[in-house]
């Protein structure tokens, strides 16, 4: 996982990186406003544009899944 990505998650909510093995949305560690903040920050940091179809709750259930969604836009670690 990319360090800049970890910094984004830590800024949005430090609990995100500490919550391995739980569904971030179900456990209310992130909410829709935090999702949009992650999207906006990732777009700015990585110079990408999320497709609306990728901004779905199931793409924000864990740090790994969020990172895989970002990697769809051609990013590598």
Protein backbone atom coordinates (compact mmCIF):
# COMPACT_ATOMS: atom_id res chain seq x y z
CA UNK A 1 0.00 0.00 0.00
CA UNK A 2 1.30 3.44 -0.98
CA UNK A 3 2.54 5.78 1.80
CA UNK A 4 0.67 8.78 0.39
CA UNK A 5 -2.50 6.68 0.44
CA UNK A 6 -1.89 5.76 4.08
CA UNK A 7 -1.46 9.46 4.87
CA UNK A 8 -4.83 10.20 3.25
CA UNK A 9 -6.57 7.52 5.31
CA UNK A 10 -4.84 8.65 8.48
CA UNK A 11 -5.93 12.25 7.90
CA UNK A 12 -9.55 11.23 7.26
CA UNK A 13 -9.72 8.92 10.29
CA UNK A 14 -6.73 7.26 12.01
CA UNK A 15 -8.96 4.30 12.94
CA UNK A 16 -9.15 3.24 9.28
CA UNK A 17 -5.62 1.82 9.25
CA UNK A 18 -6.08 0.23 12.67
CA UNK A 19 -9.24 -1.64 11.65
CA UNK A 20 -7.99 -4.71 9.82
CA UNK A 21 -10.56 -7.40 9.25
CA UNK A 22 -13.67 -5.29 9.81
CA UNK A 23 -16.02 -3.68 7.33
CA UNK A 24 -15.29 0.04 7.65
CA UNK A 25 -18.76 1.04 6.47
CA UNK A 26 -20.70 -1.44 8.63
CA UNK A 27 -18.67 -0.57 11.72
CA UNK A 28 -19.21 3.15 11.00
CA UNK A 29 -15.48 3.84 10.95
CA UNK A 30 -16.11 5.76 7.72
CA UNK A 31 -19.29 7.34 6.46
CA UNK A 32 -20.34 8.83 3.13
CA UNK A 33 -18.72 12.19 3.88
CA UNK A 34 -15.43 10.48 4.68
CA UNK A 35 -15.70 8.46 1.46
CA UNK A 36 -16.03 11.68 -0.51
CA UNK A 37 -13.08 13.15 1.34
CA UNK A 38 -10.97 10.08 0.51
CA UNK A 39 -12.06 10.30 -3.14
CA UNK A 40 -11.27 14.02 -3.38
CA UNK A 41 -7.91 13.69 -1.66
CA UNK A 42 -6.92 10.64 -3.76
CA UNK A 43 -7.91 12.47 -6.95
CA UNK A 44 -5.73 15.42 -5.98
CA UNK A 45 -2.74 13.43 -4.70
CA UNK A 46 -2.67 10.83 -7.48
CA UNK A 47 -3.99 13.07 -10.28
CA UNK A 48 -6.85 10.72 -11.13
CA UNK A 49 -10.60 11.09 -11.67
CA UNK A 50 -12.85 8.51 -10.03
CA UNK A 51 -15.63 7.16 -12.19
CA UNK A 52 -19.02 7.51 -10.47
CA UNK A 53 -19.45 3.71 -10.71
CA UNK A 54 -16.42 3.27 -8.43
CA UNK A 55 -17.82 5.44 -5.63
CA UNK A 56 -19.88 2.65 -4.11
CA UNK A 57 -20.00 1.48 -0.47
CA UNK A 58 -18.54 -1.92 -1.38
CA UNK A 59 -15.38 -0.20 -2.68
CA UNK A 60 -14.78 1.41 0.73
CA UNK A 61 -15.06 -1.52 3.12
CA UNK A 62 -11.31 -1.88 3.85
CA UNK A 63 -8.05 -0.05 3.13
CA UNK A 64 -7.00 -2.82 0.72
CA UNK A 65 -10.22 -2.58 -1.29
CA UNK A 66 -9.99 1.22 -1.44
CA UNK A 67 -6.38 0.94 -2.64
CA UNK A 68 -7.34 -1.64 -5.30
CA UNK A 69 -10.04 0.73 -6.52
CA UNK A 70 -7.48 3.53 -6.82
CA UNK A 71 -5.04 1.20 -8.61
CA UNK A 72 -7.63 0.67 -11.34
CA UNK A 73 -6.58 4.09 -12.56
CA UNK A 74 -3.08 2.91 -13.41
CA UNK A 75 -1.29 3.43 -10.11
CA UNK A 76 1.26 1.02 -8.74
CA UNK A 77 2.83 0.86 -5.31
